[in-house]
């Protein structure tokens, strides 16, 4: 199936013929007293509605296994829980602030070391030690939109028996399928594009590796950060329109990027592939589109606060991927857990603004940006 068909038709209610599968709210399930067997026993371990969602998540990624968690960070934490005491994970300096917080403040207490590098493109065999057990990648990176060559990282990491974990939130399976490139684990904040309406928290993990799947299943059951049945049902329904929403959002974003690049009141625009021709080539070789998130800076002398207050449509708020446009300042919002030094190493300036483009009418968005830029001084 193509992805739009998979988003709609992966699930069927063969028992009752309902075109929308039911929601199973039970926290516990009756077992056979003689065998104590049953497909389900307790909701934390497994739930029919969550199992249906996980079937959809796996289908979208072309994966053997899918797992649903209570948030994107719960999904990321589960993927990193496959590491053990004494292990090291390599990450790019430009990584989501929540991931940075987890690796910088939580994992060291569990005996796991995180090493942040300025540019994964410069990673070589010499950067791997016997302790290096994983490389965690965001491509495009948040919020600099830098691109990492996934095929190269997979070849390099696997040569040292290290896993490759990719956060695919910005691209979604619609635009990029890391597992097909040899990646071991894919995580997503399903709160973003998969849910798409800024009204629920969820995380997704997929893998083709049976042993990793067992470890992720254990993380679900032992740590308990699972997605409830009602949110699982709502996410199933939202995913049905994911390709359609993302197509409109990306078209809007591409037009806005072109508009801002030629604007005298804009100092710089970041978009996947904008860093260099090489990164543009790499991205186009591993993804089918450039997504709907961009970052930019106002020209010198303009009032950032006045610009943000003048905007009518993009809300000044964290998160991304919803049908409505959202704008934020990463240095003080999404990446506030990073020190100023870490932000500088990641290429995040205090004036950088990140725009997640929604499905609004393009003409309205362009007019709104122009009038807000005019109001900035």
Protein backbone atom coordinates (compact mmCIF):
# COMPACT_ATOMS: atom_id res chain seq x y z
CA UNK A 1 0.00 0.00 0.00
CA UNK A 2 1.05 3.59 -0.58
CA UNK A 3 1.26 5.59 2.64
CA UNK A 4 -2.08 7.43 2.27
CA UNK A 5 -3.83 4.08 1.78
CA UNK A 6 -1.94 2.55 4.71
CA UNK A 7 -2.95 5.49 6.91
CA UNK A 8 -6.62 4.81 6.18
CA UNK A 9 -6.87 1.06 5.60
CA UNK A 10 -4.34 -0.65 7.87
CA UNK A 11 -7.10 -1.41 10.40
CA UNK A 12 -10.33 -3.31 9.89
CA UNK A 13 -12.89 -4.45 12.46
CA UNK A 14 -13.37 -7.94 11.07
CA UNK A 15 -15.48 -9.04 14.06
CA UNK A 16 -18.25 -6.47 13.66
CA UNK A 17 -17.62 -4.86 10.27
CA UNK A 18 -17.31 -1.36 11.74
CA UNK A 19 -15.30 1.00 9.52
CA UNK A 20 -13.88 2.58 12.69
CA UNK A 21 -12.41 0.12 15.23
CA UNK A 22 -13.82 0.30 18.76
CA UNK A 23 -12.11 1.73 21.82
CA UNK A 24 -11.27 -0.79 24.56
CA UNK A 25 -11.15 1.09 27.85
CA UNK A 26 -10.69 -1.88 30.19
CA UNK A 27 -7.75 -1.68 32.55
CA UNK A 28 -7.84 -5.44 33.19
CA UNK A 29 -8.96 -8.52 31.25
CA UNK A 30 -10.38 -11.86 32.37
CA UNK A 31 -8.11 -14.90 32.01
CA UNK A 32 -8.78 -18.62 31.73
CA UNK A 33 -8.44 -19.98 35.30
CA UNK A 34 -7.00 -23.26 34.05
CA UNK A 35 -4.27 -21.87 31.80
CA UNK A 36 -4.15 -18.24 32.95
CA UNK A 37 -3.68 -17.43 29.28
CA UNK A 38 -5.12 -14.52 27.38
CA UNK A 39 -4.12 -12.09 24.66
CA UNK A 40 -4.53 -9.28 27.18
CA UNK A 41 -4.21 -9.17 30.96
CA UNK A 42 -3.56 -5.60 32.14
CA UNK A 43 -3.63 -2.36 30.16
CA UNK A 44 -0.04 -1.34 30.95
CA UNK A 45 1.22 -4.55 29.34
CA UNK A 46 -1.09 -4.44 26.33
CA UNK A 47 -4.42 -3.03 25.24
CA UNK A 48 -6.38 -3.85 22.05
CA UNK A 49 -6.75 -0.21 21.00
CA UNK A 50 -3.09 0.58 21.60
CA UNK A 51 -2.18 -2.61 19.75
CA UNK A 52 -4.19 -1.37 16.78
CA UNK A 53 -2.36 1.96 16.85
CA UNK A 54 0.98 0.16 17.04
CA UNK A 55 -0.03 -1.85 13.98
CA UNK A 56 -0.64 1.42 12.12
CA UNK A 57 2.66 2.94 13.30
CA UNK A 58 4.56 -0.11 12.06
CA UNK A 59 2.74 -0.06 8.72
CA UNK A 60 3.58 3.60 8.12
CA UNK A 61 7.29 3.02 8.72
CA UNK A 62 7.34 -0.34 6.92
CA UNK A 63 8.47 -1.85 10.22
CA UNK A 64 8.07 -5.24 11.90
CA UNK A 65 7.32 -3.67 15.29
CA UNK A 66 5.61 -0.51 16.53
CA UNK A 67 5.20 0.89 20.04
CA UNK A 68 3.08 3.74 21.38
CA UNK A 69 4.11 5.84 24.39
CA UNK A 70 2.57 8.60 26.45
CA UNK A 71 4.78 11.34 24.93
CA UNK A 72 7.61 11.86 22.50
CA UNK A 73 10.08 12.05 25.38
CA UNK A 74 8.76 8.75 26.78
CA UNK A 75 9.48 7.26 23.35
CA UNK A 76 12.99 8.73 23.28
CA UNK A 77 13.67 7.56 26.84
CA UNK A 78 12.52 4.05 25.93
CA UNK A 79 14.83 3.95 22.91
CA UNK A 80 17.77 5.01 25.09
CA UNK A 81 16.79 2.50 27.79
CA UNK A 82 18.25 -0.14 25.47
CA UNK A 83 21.65 1.15 26.66
CA UNK A 84 23.37 -0.17 29.78
CA UNK A 85 25.64 1.11 32.54
CA UNK A 86 28.97 2.17 31.07
CA UNK A 87 27.58 2.80 27.59
CA UNK A 88 27.97 6.03 25.64
CA UNK A 89 25.64 7.66 23.11
CA UNK A 90 26.83 10.22 20.56
CA UNK A 91 24.45 13.04 19.65
CA UNK A 92 24.64 16.21 17.54
CA UNK A 93 24.98 19.47 19.43
CA UNK A 94 21.81 20.64 17.69
CA UNK A 95 19.27 18.28 19.21
CA UNK A 96 15.81 18.85 20.67
CA UNK A 97 16.04 20.50 24.08
CA UNK A 98 14.07 17.75 25.81
CA UNK A 99 16.47 15.12 24.48
CA UNK A 100 19.39 17.26 25.61
CA UNK A 101 17.88 17.51 29.10
CA UNK A 102 17.41 13.72 29.31
CA UNK A 103 20.94 12.96 28.16
CA UNK A 104 22.61 15.74 30.13
CA UNK A 105 20.77 15.47 33.45
CA UNK A 106 19.17 12.02 33.72
CA UNK A 107 21.26 9.43 31.89
CA UNK A 108 24.50 10.15 33.79
CA UNK A 109 22.74 9.06 37.00
CA UNK A 110 22.07 5.74 35.29
CA UNK A 111 25.70 5.29 34.29
CA UNK A 112 25.18 6.27 30.65
CA UNK A 113 27.26 9.02 29.06
CA UNK A 114 26.14 11.37 26.31
CA UNK A 115 28.71 12.98 24.02
CA UNK A 116 27.59 15.95 21.94
CA UNK A 117 29.48 16.66 18.72
CA UNK A 118 29.33 19.82 16.67
CA UNK A 119 28.67 18.14 13.32
CA UNK A 120 27.86 14.47 12.70
CA UNK A 121 29.18 14.94 9.16
CA UNK A 122 32.66 15.06 10.71
CA UNK A 123 32.19 11.84 12.72
CA UNK A 124 34.87 9.25 11.94
CA UNK A 125 36.00 5.83 13.18
CA UNK A 126 38.33 7.57 15.61
CA UNK A 127 35.33 9.07 17.43
CA UNK A 128 34.10 5.64 18.50
CA UNK A 129 35.33 3.96 21.66
CA UNK A 130 34.50 0.52 23.07
CA UNK A 131 31.87 2.26 25.22
CA UNK A 132 30.06 3.84 22.23
CA UNK A 133 26.83 1.87 21.86
CA UNK A 134 24.58 4.29 19.96
CA UNK A 135 24.40 7.36 17.74
CA UNK A 136 21.25 9.47 18.12
CA UNK A 137 20.36 11.56 15.07
CA UNK A 138 17.84 14.24 14.17
CA UNK A 139 17.69 14.98 10.47
CA UNK A 140 16.63 17.67 9.83
CA UNK A 141 17.95 18.91 13.16
CA UNK A 142 15.82 20.96 15.53
CA UNK A 143 15.87 23.98 15.08
CA UNK A 144 18.82 24.52 12.70
CA UNK A 145 17.43 22.12 10.06
CA UNK A 146 20.91 20.69 9.44
CA UNK A 147 21.03 17.42 7.51
CA UNK A 148 22.83 14.19 8.46
CA UNK A 149 23.72 11.50 5.93
CA UNK A 150 21.89 8.52 7.42
CA UNK A 151 23.48 5.91 5.16
CA UNK A 152 26.96 7.07 6.17
CA UNK A 153 26.14 7.14 9.89
CA UNK A 154 24.59 3.66 9.72
CA UNK A 155 27.66 2.23 7.99
CA UNK A 156 30.00 3.95 10.44
CA UNK A 157 28.09 3.04 13.61
CA UNK A 158 27.43 -0.56 12.64
CA UNK A 159 31.12 -1.02 11.94
CA UNK A 160 31.58 -0.39 15.67
CA UNK A 161 28.54 -2.46 16.77
CA UNK A 162 26.68 0.71 17.74
CA UNK A 163 22.97 1.33 17.21
CA UNK A 164 21.59 4.20 15.16
CA UNK A 165 18.49 5.88 16.61
CA UNK A 166 16.74 8.53 14.53
CA UNK A 167 14.19 11.09 15.67
CA UNK A 168 11.99 11.39 12.56
CA UNK A 169 9.44 13.83 14.00
CA UNK A 170 10.01 16.59 11.43
CA UNK A 171 9.80 14.33 8.38
CA UNK A 172 7.34 11.62 9.50
CA UNK A 173 7.12 8.37 7.51
CA UNK A 174 5.43 10.37 4.75
CA UNK A 175 8.70 12.07 3.77
CA UNK A 176 11.46 9.86 5.21
CA UNK A 177 11.79 6.18 6.15
CA UNK A 178 15.00 5.74 8.17
CA UNK A 179 14.52 2.00 8.73
CA UNK A 180 14.82 1.44 4.98
CA UNK A 181 18.25 3.11 5.19
CA UNK A 182 19.47 0.67 7.85
CA UNK A 183 18.59 2.65 10.98
CA UNK A 184 17.89 0.45 14.03
CA UNK A 185 15.24 2.46 15.91
CA UNK A 186 13.01 5.34 14.81
CA UNK A 187 11.31 7.60 17.35
CA UNK A 188 8.74 10.31 16.82
CA UNK A 189 6.87 12.77 18.93
CA UNK A 190 3.45 11.70 17.69
CA UNK A 191 2.14 14.82 19.43
CA UNK A 192 3.31 16.71 16.36
CA UNK A 193 2.40 15.74 12.78
CA UNK A 194 0.91 12.32 13.48
CA UNK A 195 -1.70 13.78 15.84
CA UNK A 196 -1.66 17.09 14.00
CA UNK A 197 -4.18 19.09 16.04
CA UNK A 198 -2.26 20.17 19.16
CA UNK A 199 -4.66 18.27 21.39
CA UNK A 200 -2.86 15.16 22.65
CA UNK A 201 0.56 13.91 23.76
CA UNK A 202 1.96 10.70 22.27
CA UNK A 203 5.21 9.07 21.23
CA UNK A 204 6.02 6.40 18.67
CA UNK A 205 8.89 3.94 18.27
CA UNK A 206 9.42 1.50 15.41
CA UNK A 207 12.08 -1.11 14.69
CA UNK A 208 12.75 -4.13 12.49
CA UNK A 209 14.99 -5.80 15.07
CA UNK A 210 13.30 -8.52 17.15
CA UNK A 211 15.71 -8.21 20.09
CA UNK A 212 15.31 -4.45 20.22
CA UNK A 213 11.55 -4.94 20.03
CA UNK A 214 11.72 -7.17 23.12
CA UNK A 215 13.70 -4.48 24.96
CA UNK A 216 11.21 -1.78 23.94
CA UNK A 217 8.28 -3.96 24.99
CA UNK A 218 9.96 -4.44 28.38
CA UNK A 219 10.44 -0.67 28.67
CA UNK A 220 6.72 -0.18 28.07
CA UNK A 221 5.69 -2.71 30.69
CA UNK A 222 8.36 -1.99 33.30
CA UNK A 223 8.44 1.81 33.06
CA UNK A 224 4.74 2.24 32.34
CA UNK A 225 4.89 5.24 30.01
CA UNK A 226 2.23 3.83 27.71
CA UNK A 227 -0.43 5.62 25.69
CA UNK A 228 -3.99 5.21 26.98
CA UNK A 229 -6.74 3.71 24.81
CA UNK A 230 -8.67 6.93 24.24
CA UNK A 231 -5.62 8.82 22.99
CA UNK A 232 -4.61 5.75 20.99
CA UNK A 233 -7.99 5.82 19.26
CA UNK A 234 -7.76 9.55 18.57
CA UNK A 235 -4.26 9.15 17.15
CA UNK A 236 -5.45 6.37 14.84
CA UNK A 237 -8.11 8.73 13.49
CA UNK A 238 -5.70 11.67 13.12
CA UNK A 239 -3.14 9.61 11.22
CA UNK A 240 -5.71 9.03 8.46
CA UNK A 241 -5.27 12.64 7.30
CA UNK A 242 -1.51 12.89 7.95
CA UNK A 243 -0.36 12.78 4.29
CA UNK A 244 -3.00 15.30 3.24
CA UNK A 245 -2.18 17.73 6.03
CA UNK A 246 1.56 17.48 5.52
CA UNK A 247 1.24 18.04 1.77
CA UNK A 248 -0.53 21.36 2.38
CA UNK A 249 1.80 22.37 5.22
CA UNK A 250 4.90 21.68 3.13
CA UNK A 251 3.57 23.61 0.14
CA UNK A 252 2.87 26.60 2.40
CA UNK A 253 6.31 26.34 4.02
CA UNK A 254 8.15 26.22 0.69
CA UNK A 255 6.37 29.37 -0.48
CA UNK A 256 7.09 31.16 2.81
CA UNK A 257 10.78 30.22 2.62
CA UNK A 258 11.06 31.73 -0.85
CA UNK A 259 9.21 34.86 0.29
CA UNK A 260 11.39 35.40 3.36
CA UNK A 261 14.68 34.69 1.58
CA UNK A 262 14.18 37.74 -0.58
CA UNK A 263 12.80 39.97 2.14
CA UNK A 264 14.88 42.97 3.19
CA UNK A 265 13.70 42.63 6.79
CA UNK A 266 14.94 39.03 7.15
CA UNK A 267 18.60 38.40 7.96
CA UNK A 268 18.69 34.62 7.46
CA UNK A 269 16.44 31.65 6.78
CA UNK A 270 17.10 28.01 7.75
CA UNK A 271 15.31 25.20 5.88
CA UNK A 272 16.40 21.61 5.13
CA UNK A 273 19.23 21.79 2.60
CA UNK A 274 19.87 25.52 3.06
CA UNK A 275 23.19 25.05 4.87
CA UNK A 276 25.02 23.82 1.76
CA UNK A 277 24.53 22.24 -1.63
CA UNK A 278 25.92 19.01 -0.20
CA UNK A 279 23.31 18.92 2.56
CA UNK A 280 20.58 19.64 0.00
CA UNK A 281 21.81 16.71 -2.11
CA UNK A 282 21.97 14.40 0.91
CA UNK A 283 18.49 15.32 2.06
CA UNK A 284 16.98 14.80 -1.37
CA UNK A 285 18.65 11.38 -1.53
CA UNK A 286 17.04 10.17 1.70
CA UNK A 287 13.75 12.07 1.88
CA UNK A 288 10.97 12.95 -0.54
CA UNK A 289 10.29 16.46 0.74
CA UNK A 290 11.66 19.18 2.99
CA UNK A 291 8.86 19.44 5.53
CA UNK A 292 6.99 22.35 7.02
CA UNK A 293 9.36 23.78 9.66
CA UNK A 294 11.72 26.68 9.03
CA UNK A 295 13.75 29.03 11.20
CA UNK A 296 14.73 32.63 10.57
CA UNK A 297 16.18 35.78 12.10
CA UNK A 298 14.95 39.33 11.69
CA UNK A 299 17.29 41.93 10.23
CA UNK A 300 19.33 44.03 12.65
CA UNK A 301 17.44 46.83 14.33
CA UNK A 302 14.01 45.23 14.13
CA UNK A 303 11.98 44.64 17.29
CA UNK A 304 11.40 40.89 17.72
CA UNK A 305 8.71 41.36 20.38
CA UNK A 306 6.80 43.85 18.23
CA UNK A 307 6.95 41.42 15.31
CA UNK A 308 5.63 38.52 17.39
CA UNK A 309 2.84 40.59 18.96
CA UNK A 310 1.72 41.81 15.53
CA UNK A 311 1.25 38.32 14.10
CA UNK A 312 -2.43 37.40 13.74
CA UNK A 313 -2.22 33.73 12.82
CA UNK A 314 0.91 31.94 14.08
CA UNK A 315 0.57 31.52 17.84
CA UNK A 316 3.66 32.20 19.95
CA UNK A 317 3.88 28.74 21.46
CA UNK A 318 6.09 25.65 21.62
CA UNK A 319 5.39 22.48 19.63
CA UNK A 320 4.88 22.03 15.91
CA UNK A 321 3.09 19.96 13.32
CA UNK A 322 -0.45 21.10 14.07
CA UNK A 323 -2.94 22.37 11.52
CA UNK A 324 -2.36 25.86 12.93
CA UNK A 325 0.92 27.72 12.42
CA UNK A 326 3.08 28.11 15.53
CA UNK A 327 6.15 30.25 16.13
CA UNK A 328 8.63 30.12 19.01
CA UNK A 329 12.07 31.27 20.12
CA UNK A 330 14.10 28.07 20.65
CA UNK A 331 16.75 29.68 22.88
CA UNK A 332 14.21 30.45 25.62
CA UNK A 333 11.46 27.92 24.86
CA UNK A 334 12.11 24.54 23.23
CA UNK A 335 15.85 24.53 23.99
CA UNK A 336 15.92 26.43 27.28
CA UNK A 337 17.48 23.41 29.02
CA UNK A 338 20.69 24.03 27.09
CA UNK A 339 23.35 26.35 28.48
CA UNK A 340 24.25 29.43 26.41
CA UNK A 341 27.49 27.67 25.50
CA UNK A 342 25.61 24.56 24.33
CA UNK A 343 23.22 26.70 22.31
CA UNK A 344 26.11 28.49 20.65
CA UNK A 345 27.75 25.16 19.80
CA UNK A 346 24.46 24.02 18.29
CA UNK A 347 24.11 27.17 16.18
CA UNK A 348 21.07 28.45 18.09
CA UNK A 349 21.14 32.23 18.46
CA UNK A 350 19.01 34.20 20.90
CA UNK A 351 17.22 35.84 17.95
CA UNK A 352 16.40 32.68 15.99
CA UNK A 353 12.66 32.08 15.52
CA UNK A 354 11.23 28.70 14.52
CA UNK A 355 8.04 28.63 12.45
CA UNK A 356 5.89 25.52 12.11
CA UNK A 357 3.65 26.18 9.12
CA UNK A 358 0.01 25.10 9.24
CA UNK A 359 -2.71 24.53 6.66
CA UNK A 360 -4.04 28.11 6.60
CA UNK A 361 -4.50 29.90 3.29
CA UNK A 362 -1.06 30.83 1.97
CA UNK A 363 -2.07 34.36 0.99
CA UNK A 364 -3.24 35.05 4.54
CA UNK A 365 0.01 33.75 6.04
CA UNK A 366 2.19 35.81 3.69
CA UNK A 367 0.17 38.96 4.31
CA UNK A 368 0.35 38.38 8.04
CA UNK A 369 4.13 37.94 8.02
CA UNK A 370 4.56 41.09 5.94
CA UNK A 371 2.41 43.26 8.18
CA UNK A 372 4.15 41.92 11.30
CA UNK A 373 7.57 42.63 9.75
CA UNK A 374 6.41 46.16 8.98
CA UNK A 375 5.32 46.56 12.60
CA UNK A 376 8.77 45.48 13.83
CA UNK A 377 10.22 48.94 13.19
